[in-house]
Amino acid sequence: MQPTTLRYFYQLMAEVSLDTPFIITAEQFTDDNGNHSFQSLEVGSNSSSTLYINGMIQEGRIYTLTSEALTLYSPGDVLQLGTPILLEVLYLTVQVVT
């Protein structure tokens, strides 16, 4: 197995209430170099994700992740303008050596 870690970055452009689902699409994220190059996020059955908001690891219950988007939902919580969001995805690929 060969692990690969990808990091996706997003910074809030306005205050956001999480009383309703807030969706960040794959195209809105940047990579480690600041490039907006994603048509989809590398997620699937062979991957695991970790979400950080403002540098703090988040509970899995506040977000869902698909290849198209990250959805945040946490009634009663508000994210401030400029809050950084980091999505880290670890995925494993099998490398067959003969």
PDB file of N, CA and C in Angstrom:
ATOM      1  N   MET A   1       0.838  -1.177   0.000  1.00  0.00           N
ATOM      2  CA  MET A   1       0.000   0.000   0.000  1.00  0.00           C
ATOM      3  C   MET A   1       0.885   1.242   0.000  1.00  0.00           C
ATOM      4  N   GLN A   2       0.429   2.215  -0.751  1.00  0.00           N
ATOM      5  CA  GLN A   2       1.155   3.478  -0.828  1.00  0.00           C
ATOM      6  C   GLN A   2       0.222   4.609  -0.389  1.00  0.00           C
ATOM      7  N   PRO A   3       0.543   5.277   0.742  1.00  0.00           N
ATOM      8  CA  PRO A   3      -0.312   6.373   1.200  1.00  0.00           C
ATOM      9  C   PRO A   3       0.030   7.685   0.493  1.00  0.00           C
ATOM     10  N   THR A   4      -0.993   8.473   0.237  1.00  0.00           N
ATOM     11  CA  THR A   4      -0.819   9.811  -0.324  1.00  0.00           C
ATOM     12  C   THR A   4      -1.713  10.752   0.471  1.00  0.00           C
ATOM     13  N   THR A   5      -1.157  11.895   0.845  1.00  0.00           N
ATOM     14  CA  THR A   5      -1.939  12.892   1.572  1.00  0.00           C
ATOM     15  C   THR A   5      -2.100  14.124   0.701  1.00  0.00           C
ATOM     16  N   LEU A   6      -3.336  14.553   0.534  1.00  0.00           N
ATOM     17  CA  LEU A   6      -3.645  15.778  -0.199  1.00  0.00           C
ATOM     18  C   LEU A   6      -4.279  16.761   0.762  1.00  0.00           C
ATOM     19  N   ARG A   7      -3.944  18.029   0.614  1.00  0.00           N
ATOM     20  CA  ARG A   7      -4.522  19.082   1.443  1.00  0.00           C
ATOM     21  C   ARG A   7      -5.246  20.070   0.545  1.00  0.00           C
ATOM     22  N   TYR A   8      -6.450  20.416   0.970  1.00  0.00           N
ATOM     23  CA  TYR A   8      -7.289  21.365   0.246  1.00  0.00           C
ATOM     24  C   TYR A   8      -7.577  22.541   1.182  1.00  0.00           C
ATOM     25  N   PHE A   9      -7.410  23.765   0.689  1.00  0.00           N
ATOM     26  CA  PHE A   9      -7.546  24.965   1.507  1.00  0.00           C
ATOM     27  C   PHE A   9      -8.687  25.850   1.009  1.00  0.00           C
ATOM     28  N   TYR A  10      -9.343  26.514   1.972  1.00  0.00           N
ATOM     29  CA  TYR A  10     -10.402  27.464   1.659  1.00  0.00           C
ATOM     30  C   TYR A  10     -10.416  28.510   2.769  1.00  0.00           C
ATOM     31  N   GLN A  11     -10.684  29.761   2.412  1.00  0.00           N
ATOM     32  CA  GLN A  11     -10.800  30.826   3.409  1.00  0.00           C
ATOM     33  C   GLN A  11     -12.140  31.520   3.209  1.00  0.00           C
ATOM     34  N   LEU A  12     -12.896  31.657   4.300  1.00  0.00           N
ATOM     35  CA  LEU A  12     -14.227  32.245   4.217  1.00  0.00           C
ATOM     36  C   LEU A  12     -14.170  33.698   3.778  1.00  0.00           C
ATOM     37  N   MET A  13     -15.031  34.053   2.833  1.00  0.00           N
ATOM     38  CA  MET A  13     -15.103  35.407   2.301  1.00  0.00           C
ATOM     39  C   MET A  13     -16.163  36.239   3.002  1.00  0.00           C
ATOM     40  N   ALA A  14     -16.936  35.599   3.878  1.00  0.00           N
ATOM     41  CA  ALA A  14     -17.985  36.282   4.638  1.00  0.00           C
ATOM     42  C   ALA A  14     -18.314  35.437   5.863  1.00  0.00           C
ATOM     43  N   GLU A  15     -18.989  36.047   6.816  1.00  0.00           N
ATOM     44  CA  GLU A  15     -19.446  35.293   7.983  1.00  0.00           C
ATOM     45  C   GLU A  15     -20.470  34.267   7.517  1.00  0.00           C
ATOM     46  N   VAL A  16     -20.430  33.066   8.109  1.00  0.00           N
ATOM     47  CA  VAL A  16     -21.324  31.985   7.699  1.00  0.00           C
ATOM     48  C   VAL A  16     -21.967  31.359   8.931  1.00  0.00           C
ATOM     49  N   SER A  17     -23.288  31.290   8.921  1.00  0.00           N
ATOM     50  CA  SER A  17     -24.022  30.560   9.952  1.00  0.00           C
ATOM     51  C   SER A  17     -24.146  29.116   9.489  1.00  0.00           C
ATOM     52  N   LEU A  18     -23.851  28.189  10.388  1.00  0.00           N
ATOM     53  CA  LEU A  18     -23.950  26.773  10.042  1.00  0.00           C
ATOM     54  C   LEU A  18     -25.282  26.171  10.464  1.00  0.00           C
ATOM     55  N   ASP A  19     -26.284  27.048  10.683  1.00  0.00           N
ATOM     56  CA  ASP A  19     -27.640  26.576  10.975  1.00  0.00           C
ATOM     57  C   ASP A  19     -28.230  25.859   9.767  1.00  0.00           C
ATOM     58  N   THR A  20     -27.798  26.253   8.592  1.00  0.00           N
ATOM     59  CA  THR A  20     -28.159  25.557   7.359  1.00  0.00           C
ATOM     60  C   THR A  20     -26.867  25.036   6.745  1.00  0.00           C
ATOM     61  N   PRO A  21     -26.927  23.977   5.955  1.00  0.00           N
ATOM     62  CA  PRO A  21     -25.700  23.427   5.368  1.00  0.00           C
ATOM     63  C   PRO A  21     -24.950  24.471   4.528  1.00  0.00           C
ATOM     64  N   PHE A  22     -23.642  24.533   4.725  1.00  0.00           N
ATOM     65  CA  PHE A  22     -22.765  25.417   3.954  1.00  0.00           C
ATOM     66  C   PHE A  22     -21.893  24.527   3.083  1.00  0.00           C
ATOM     67  N   ILE A  23     -21.935  24.757   1.789  1.00  0.00           N
ATOM     68  CA  ILE A  23     -21.252  23.895   0.824  1.00  0.00           C
ATOM     69  C   ILE A  23     -20.063  24.615   0.214  1.00  0.00           C
ATOM     70  N   ILE A  24     -18.915  23.939   0.231  1.00  0.00           N
ATOM     71  CA  ILE A  24     -17.714  24.421  -0.460  1.00  0.00           C
ATOM     72  C   ILE A  24     -17.439  23.407  -1.565  1.00  0.00           C
ATOM     73  N   THR A  25     -17.549  23.846  -2.814  1.00  0.00           N
ATOM     74  CA  THR A  25     -17.351  22.929  -3.932  1.00  0.00           C
ATOM     75  C   THR A  25     -15.866  22.687  -4.183  1.00  0.00           C
ATOM     76  N   ALA A  26     -15.568  21.603  -4.860  1.00  0.00           N
ATOM     77  CA  ALA A  26     -14.176  21.238  -5.145  1.00  0.00           C
ATOM     78  C   ALA A  26     -13.428  22.370  -5.838  1.00  0.00           C
ATOM     79  N   GLU A  27     -14.094  23.084  -6.747  1.00  0.00           N
ATOM     80  CA  GLU A  27     -13.447  24.158  -7.504  1.00  0.00           C
ATOM     81  C   GLU A  27     -13.037  25.340  -6.634  1.00  0.00           C
ATOM     82  N   GLN A  28     -13.637  25.482  -5.449  1.00  0.00           N
ATOM     83  CA  GLN A  28     -13.340  26.601  -4.572  1.00  0.00           C
ATOM     84  C   GLN A  28     -12.078  26.388  -3.726  1.00  0.00           C
ATOM     85  N   PHE A  29     -11.638  25.151  -3.620  1.00  0.00           N
ATOM     86  CA  PHE A  29     -10.445  24.855  -2.834  1.00  0.00           C
ATOM     87  C   PHE A  29      -9.173  25.166  -3.612  1.00  0.00           C
ATOM     88  N   THR A  30      -8.090  25.442  -2.876  1.00  0.00           N
ATOM     89  CA  THR A  30      -6.768  25.583  -3.485  1.00  0.00           C
ATOM     90  C   THR A  30      -5.861  24.491  -2.945  1.00  0.00           C
ATOM     91  N   ASP A  31      -4.744  24.273  -3.633  1.00  0.00           N
ATOM     92  CA  ASP A  31      -3.767  23.284  -3.183  1.00  0.00           C
ATOM     93  C   ASP A  31      -2.663  23.974  -2.387  1.00  0.00           C
ATOM     94  N   ASP A  32      -1.600  23.247  -2.068  1.00  0.00           N
ATOM     95  CA  ASP A  32      -0.489  23.799  -1.284  1.00  0.00           C
ATOM     96  C   ASP A  32       0.179  24.995  -1.953  1.00  0.00           C
ATOM     97  N   ASN A  33       0.035  25.113  -3.262  1.00  0.00           N
ATOM     98  CA  ASN A  33       0.652  26.216  -3.998  1.00  0.00           C
ATOM     99  C   ASN A  33      -0.323  27.337  -4.328  1.00  0.00           C
ATOM    100  N   GLY A  34      -1.554  27.226  -3.812  1.00  0.00           N
ATOM    101  CA  GLY A  34      -2.551  28.262  -4.060  1.00  0.00           C
ATOM    102  C   GLY A  34      -3.277  28.120  -5.383  1.00  0.00           C
ATOM    103  N   ASN A  35      -3.130  26.988  -6.050  1.00  0.00           N
ATOM    104  CA  ASN A  35      -3.775  26.766  -7.344  1.00  0.00           C
ATOM    105  C   ASN A  35      -5.204  26.262  -7.173  1.00  0.00           C
ATOM    106  N   HIS A  36      -6.117  26.798  -7.985  1.00  0.00           N
ATOM    107  CA  HIS A  36      -7.501  26.318  -8.045  1.00  0.00           C
ATOM    108  C   HIS A  36      -7.574  25.311  -9.180  1.00  0.00           C
ATOM    109  N   SER A  37      -7.151  24.103  -8.919  1.00  0.00           N
ATOM    110  CA  SER A  37      -7.047  23.155 -10.018  1.00  0.00           C
ATOM    111  C   SER A  37      -7.919  21.924  -9.841  1.00  0.00           C
ATOM    112  N   PHE A  38      -8.865  21.949  -8.928  1.00  0.00           N
ATOM    113  CA  PHE A  38      -9.616  20.730  -8.633  1.00  0.00           C
ATOM    114  C   PHE A  38     -10.963  20.708  -9.329  1.00  0.00           C
ATOM    115  N   GLN A  39     -11.226  19.642 -10.038  1.00  0.00           N
ATOM    116  CA  GLN A  39     -12.546  19.387 -10.584  1.00  0.00           C
ATOM    117  C   GLN A  39     -13.307  18.468  -9.643  1.00  0.00           C
ATOM    118  N   SER A  40     -12.559  17.678  -8.867  1.00  0.00           N
ATOM    119  CA  SER A  40     -13.153  16.815  -7.854  1.00  0.00           C
ATOM    120  C   SER A  40     -12.114  16.568  -6.766  1.00  0.00           C
ATOM    121  N   LEU A  41     -12.612  16.209  -5.589  1.00  0.00           N
ATOM    122  CA  LEU A  41     -11.746  15.907  -4.462  1.00  0.00           C
ATOM    123  C   LEU A  41     -11.432  14.417  -4.478  1.00  0.00           C
ATOM    124  N   GLU A  42     -10.224  14.065  -4.117  1.00  0.00           N
ATOM    125  CA  GLU A  42      -9.800  12.664  -4.105  1.00  0.00           C
ATOM    126  C   GLU A  42     -10.334  11.975  -2.859  1.00  0.00           C
ATOM    127  N   VAL A  43     -11.564  11.488  -2.946  1.00  0.00           N
ATOM    128  CA  VAL A  43     -12.175  10.774  -1.831  1.00  0.00           C
ATOM    129  C   VAL A  43     -12.814   9.497  -2.353  1.00  0.00           C
ATOM    130  N   GLY A  44     -12.933   8.531  -1.487  1.00  0.00           N
ATOM    131  CA  GLY A  44     -13.547   7.269  -1.868  1.00  0.00           C
ATOM    132  C   GLY A  44     -13.419   6.253  -0.762  1.00  0.00           C
ATOM    133  N   SER A  45     -13.691   5.003  -1.098  1.00  0.00           N
ATOM    134  CA  SER A  45     -13.682   3.947  -0.084  1.00  0.00           C
ATOM    135  C   SER A  45     -12.288   3.667   0.470  1.00  0.00           C
ATOM    136  N   ASN A  46     -11.255   4.061  -0.253  1.00  0.00           N
ATOM    137  CA  ASN A  46      -9.881   3.845   0.209  1.00  0.00           C
ATOM    138  C   ASN A  46      -9.261   5.119   0.765  1.00  0.00           C
ATOM    139  N   SER A  47     -10.105   6.042   1.271  1.00  0.00           N
ATOM    140  CA  SER A  47      -9.578   7.298   1.790  1.00  0.00           C
ATOM    141  C   SER A  47     -10.148   7.619   3.165  1.00  0.00           C
ATOM    142  N   SER A  48      -9.468   8.516   3.838  1.00  0.00           N
ATOM    143  CA  SER A  48      -9.883   9.001   5.140  1.00  0.00           C
ATOM    144  C   SER A  48      -9.661  10.509   5.148  1.00  0.00           C
ATOM    145  N   SER A  49     -10.570  11.259   5.777  1.00  0.00           N
ATOM    146  CA  SER A  49     -10.436  12.711   5.769  1.00  0.00           C
ATOM    147  C   SER A  49     -10.398  13.275   7.183  1.00  0.00           C
ATOM    148  N   THR A  50      -9.734  14.417   7.308  1.00  0.00           N
ATOM    149  CA  THR A  50      -9.686  15.168   8.549  1.00  0.00           C
ATOM    150  C   THR A  50      -9.949  16.623   8.200  1.00  0.00           C
ATOM    151  N   LEU A  51     -10.829  17.259   8.958  1.00  0.00           N
ATOM    152  CA  LEU A  51     -11.185  18.652   8.720  1.00  0.00           C
ATOM    153  C   LEU A  51     -10.660  19.517   9.853  1.00  0.00           C
ATOM    154  N   TYR A  52     -10.029  20.632   9.478  1.00  0.00           N
ATOM    155  CA  TYR A  52      -9.550  21.613  10.446  1.00  0.00           C
ATOM    156  C   TYR A  52     -10.225  22.945  10.126  1.00  0.00           C
ATOM    157  N   ILE A  53     -10.784  23.581  11.145  1.00  0.00           N
ATOM    158  CA  ILE A  53     -11.337  24.912  10.997  1.00  0.00           C
ATOM    159  C   ILE A  53     -10.601  25.806  11.975  1.00  0.00           C
ATOM    160  N   ASN A  54      -9.999  26.854  11.436  1.00  0.00           N
ATOM    161  CA  ASN A  54      -9.197  27.773  12.239  1.00  0.00           C
ATOM    162  C   ASN A  54      -8.102  27.028  13.007  1.00  0.00           C
ATOM    163  N   GLY A  55      -7.534  26.018  12.359  1.00  0.00           N
ATOM    164  CA  GLY A  55      -6.429  25.262  12.948  1.00  0.00           C
ATOM    165  C   GLY A  55      -6.829  24.185  13.931  1.00  0.00           C
ATOM    166  N   MET A  56      -8.117  24.022  14.182  1.00  0.00           N
ATOM    167  CA  MET A  56      -8.601  23.044  15.158  1.00  0.00           C
ATOM    168  C   MET A  56      -9.259  21.871  14.445  1.00  0.00           C
ATOM    169  N   ILE A  57      -8.868  20.654  14.836  1.00  0.00           N
ATOM    170  CA  ILE A  57      -9.472  19.458  14.251  1.00  0.00           C
ATOM    171  C   ILE A  57     -10.958  19.426  14.621  1.00  0.00           C
ATOM    172  N   GLN A  58     -11.790  18.988  13.688  1.00  0.00           N
ATOM    173  CA  GLN A  58     -13.241  18.985  13.886  1.00  0.00           C
ATOM    174  C   GLN A  58     -13.793  17.566  13.994  1.00  0.00           C
ATOM    175  N   GLU A  59     -14.903  17.458  14.698  1.00  0.00           N
ATOM    176  CA  GLU A  59     -15.593  16.179  14.807  1.00  0.00           C
ATOM    177  C   GLU A  59     -16.198  15.809  13.461  1.00  0.00           C
ATOM    178  N   GLY A  60     -16.176  14.532  13.152  1.00  0.00           N
ATOM    179  CA  GLY A  60     -16.716  14.063  11.885  1.00  0.00           C
ATOM    180  C   GLY A  60     -18.197  14.325  11.704  1.00  0.00           C
ATOM    181  N   ARG A  61     -18.906  14.533  12.795  1.00  0.00           N
ATOM    182  CA  ARG A  61     -20.361  14.714  12.696  1.00  0.00           C
ATOM    183  C   ARG A  61     -20.762  16.046  12.074  1.00  0.00           C
ATOM    184  N   ILE A  62     -19.846  17.028  11.974  1.00  0.00           N
ATOM    185  CA  ILE A  62     -20.249  18.342  11.442  1.00  0.00           C
ATOM    186  C   ILE A  62     -20.048  18.469   9.939  1.00  0.00           C
ATOM    187  N   TYR A  63     -19.481  17.447   9.308  1.00  0.00           N
ATOM    188  CA  TYR A  63     -19.265  17.578   7.865  1.00  0.00           C
ATOM    189  C   TYR A  63     -19.492  16.279   7.116  1.00  0.00           C
ATOM    190  N   THR A  64     -19.830  16.446   5.843  1.00  0.00           N
ATOM    191  CA  THR A  64     -19.891  15.330   4.911  1.00  0.00           C
ATOM    192  C   THR A  64     -19.013  15.696   3.725  1.00  0.00           C
ATOM    193  N   LEU A  65     -18.473  14.687   3.112  1.00  0.00           N
ATOM    194  CA  LEU A  65     -17.523  14.894   2.031  1.00  0.00           C
ATOM    195  C   LEU A  65     -17.846  13.981   0.869  1.00  0.00           C
ATOM    196  N   THR A  66     -17.913  14.579  -0.313  1.00  0.00           N
ATOM    197  CA  THR A  66     -18.046  13.823  -1.556  1.00  0.00           C
ATOM    198  C   THR A  66     -16.939  14.298  -2.481  1.00  0.00           C
ATOM    199  N   SER A  67     -16.819  13.682  -3.621  1.00  0.00           N
ATOM    200  CA  SER A  67     -15.800  14.126  -4.573  1.00  0.00           C
ATOM    201  C   SER A  67     -16.124  15.516  -5.127  1.00  0.00           C
ATOM    202  N   GLU A  68     -17.393  15.942  -5.028  1.00  0.00           N
ATOM    203  CA  GLU A  68     -17.806  17.241  -5.548  1.00  0.00           C
ATOM    204  C   GLU A  68     -17.722  18.375  -4.536  1.00  0.00           C
ATOM    205  N   ALA A  69     -17.863  18.070  -3.215  1.00  0.00           N
ATOM    206  CA  ALA A  69     -17.967  19.156  -2.251  1.00  0.00           C
ATOM    207  C   ALA A  69     -17.790  18.707  -0.804  1.00  0.00           C
ATOM    208  N   LEU A  70     -17.476  19.691   0.022  1.00  0.00           N
ATOM    209  CA  LEU A  70     -17.470  19.558   1.477  1.00  0.00           C
ATOM    210  C   LEU A  70     -18.700  20.309   1.977  1.00  0.00           C
ATOM    211  N   THR A  71     -19.524  19.668   2.804  1.00  0.00           N
ATOM    212  CA  THR A  71     -20.698  20.309   3.368  1.00  0.00           C
ATOM    213  C   THR A  71     -20.544  20.378   4.880  1.00  0.00           C
ATOM    214  N   LEU A  72     -20.684  21.600   5.416  1.00  0.00           N
ATOM    215  CA  LEU A  72     -20.591  21.828   6.855  1.00  0.00           C
ATOM    216  C   LEU A  72     -21.986  22.091   7.394  1.00  0.00           C
ATOM    217  N   TYR A  73     -22.315  21.465   8.526  1.00  0.00           N
ATOM    218  CA  TYR A  73     -23.611  21.677   9.162  1.00  0.00           C
ATOM    219  C   TYR A  73     -23.447  21.499  10.660  1.00  0.00           C
ATOM    220  N   SER A  74     -23.618  22.572  11.408  1.00  0.00           N
ATOM    221  CA  SER A  74     -23.459  22.547  12.860  1.00  0.00           C
ATOM    222  C   SER A  74     -24.339  23.642  13.463  1.00  0.00           C
ATOM    223  N   PRO A  75     -25.646  23.338  13.632  1.00  0.00           N
ATOM    224  CA  PRO A  75     -26.591  24.342  14.123  1.00  0.00           C
ATOM    225  C   PRO A  75     -26.082  25.061  15.369  1.00  0.00           C
ATOM    226  N   GLY A  76     -26.239  26.390  15.341  1.00  0.00           N
ATOM    227  CA  GLY A  76     -25.816  27.222  16.457  1.00  0.00           C
ATOM    228  C   GLY A  76     -24.417  27.782  16.312  1.00  0.00           C
ATOM    229  N   ASP A  77     -23.632  27.249  15.370  1.00  0.00           N
ATOM    230  CA  ASP A  77     -22.266  27.731  15.167  1.00  0.00           C
ATOM    231  C   ASP A  77     -22.192  28.737  14.024  1.00  0.00           C
ATOM    232  N   VAL A  78     -21.285  29.688  14.168  1.00  0.00           N
ATOM    233  CA  VAL A  78     -21.049  30.718  13.157  1.00  0.00           C
ATOM    234  C   VAL A  78     -19.555  30.781  12.900  1.00  0.00           C
ATOM    235  N   LEU A  79     -19.180  30.814  11.634  1.00  0.00           N
ATOM    236  CA  LEU A  79     -17.777  30.981  11.246  1.00  0.00           C
ATOM    237  C   LEU A  79     -17.569  32.417  10.791  1.00  0.00           C
ATOM    238  N   GLN A  80     -16.489  33.016  11.246  1.00  0.00           N
ATOM    239  CA  GLN A  80     -16.203  34.418  10.957  1.00  0.00           C
ATOM    240  C   GLN A  80     -15.505  34.602   9.605  1.00  0.00           C
ATOM    241  N   LEU A  81     -15.643  35.776   9.045  1.00  0.00           N
ATOM    242  CA  LEU A  81     -14.935  36.174   7.829  1.00  0.00           C
ATOM    243  C   LEU A  81     -13.449  35.875   7.994  1.00  0.00           C
ATOM    244  N   GLY A  82     -12.836  35.274   6.992  1.00  0.00           N
ATOM    245  CA  GLY A  82     -11.410  34.997   7.015  1.00  0.00           C
ATOM    246  C   GLY A  82     -11.016  33.695   7.680  1.00  0.00           C
ATOM    247  N   THR A  83     -11.980  32.958   8.234  1.00  0.00           N
ATOM    248  CA  THR A  83     -11.664  31.694   8.892  1.00  0.00           C
ATOM    249  C   THR A  83     -11.074  30.713   7.889  1.00  0.00           C
ATOM    250  N   PRO A  84      -9.888  30.140   8.193  1.00  0.00           N
ATOM    251  CA  PRO A  84      -9.298  29.152   7.288  1.00  0.00           C
ATOM    252  C   PRO A  84      -9.893  27.766   7.515  1.00  0.00           C
ATOM    253  N   ILE A  85     -10.141  27.079   6.415  1.00  0.00           N
ATOM    254  CA  ILE A  85     -10.646  25.710   6.447  1.00  0.00           C
ATOM    255  C   ILE A  85      -9.651  24.846   5.681  1.00  0.00           C
ATOM    256  N   LEU A  86      -9.181  23.795   6.335  1.00  0.00           N
ATOM    257  CA  LEU A  86      -8.221  22.867   5.731  1.00  0.00           C
ATOM    258  C   LEU A  86      -8.833  21.486   5.747  1.00  0.00           C
ATOM    259  N   LEU A  87      -8.895  20.873   4.596  1.00  0.00           N
ATOM    260  CA  LEU A  87      -9.363  19.508   4.462  1.00  0.00           C
ATOM    261  C   LEU A  87      -8.163  18.652   4.082  1.00  0.00           C
ATOM    262  N   GLU A  88      -7.887  17.655   4.887  1.00  0.00           N
ATOM    263  CA  GLU A  88      -6.759  16.763   4.616  1.00  0.00           C
ATOM    264  C   GLU A  88      -7.321  15.384   4.290  1.00  0.00           C
ATOM    265  N   VAL A  89      -6.919  14.849   3.142  1.00  0.00           N
ATOM    266  CA  VAL A  89      -7.412  13.552   2.706  1.00  0.00           C
ATOM    267  C   VAL A  89      -6.225  12.613   2.535  1.00  0.00           C
ATOM    268  N   LEU A  90      -6.302  11.496   3.230  1.00  0.00           N
ATOM    269  CA  LEU A  90      -5.301  10.434   3.100  1.00  0.00           C
ATOM    270  C   LEU A  90      -5.944   9.319   2.299  1.00  0.00           C
ATOM    271  N   TYR A  91      -5.310   8.950   1.209  1.00  0.00           N
ATOM    272  CA  TYR A  91      -5.849   7.815   0.480  1.00  0.00           C
ATOM    273  C   TYR A  91      -4.738   6.832   0.176  1.00  0.00           C
ATOM    274  N   LEU A  92      -5.147   5.581   0.083  1.00  0.00           N
ATOM    275  CA  LEU A  92      -4.200   4.480  -0.113  1.00  0.00           C
ATOM    276  C   LEU A  92      -4.401   3.881  -1.499  1.00  0.00           C
ATOM    277  N   THR A  93      -3.285   3.635  -2.169  1.00  0.00           N
ATOM    278  CA  THR A  93      -3.321   2.935  -3.449  1.00  0.00           C
ATOM    279  C   THR A  93      -2.475   1.689  -3.324  1.00  0.00           C
ATOM    280  N   VAL A  94      -2.877   0.693  -4.017  1.00  0.00           N
ATOM    281  CA  VAL A  94      -2.150  -0.575  -4.009  1.00  0.00           C
ATOM    282  C   VAL A  94      -1.157  -0.558  -5.153  1.00  0.00           C
ATOM    283  N   GLN A  95       0.079  -0.878  -4.822  1.00  0.00           N
ATOM    284  CA  GLN A  95       1.120  -0.953  -5.841  1.00  0.00           C
ATOM    285  C   GLN A  95       1.557  -2.407  -5.926  1.00  0.00           C
ATOM    286  N   VAL A  96       1.292  -3.033  -7.057  1.00  0.00           N
ATOM    287  CA  VAL A  96       1.626  -4.435  -7.242  1.00  0.00           C
ATOM    288  C   VAL A  96       3.046  -4.511  -7.797  1.00  0.00           C
ATOM    289  N   VAL A  97       3.886  -5.245  -7.081  1.00  0.00           N
ATOM    290  CA  VAL A  97       5.269  -5.436  -7.499  1.00  0.00           C
ATOM    291  C   VAL A  97       5.463  -6.911  -7.822  1.00  0.00           C
ATOM    292  N   THR A  98       5.977  -7.158  -9.021  1.00  0.00           N
ATOM    293  CA  THR A  98       6.187  -8.567  -9.415  1.00  0.00           C
ATOM    294  C   THR A  98       7.654  -8.877  -9.538  1.00  0.00           C
TER     295      THR A  98
END
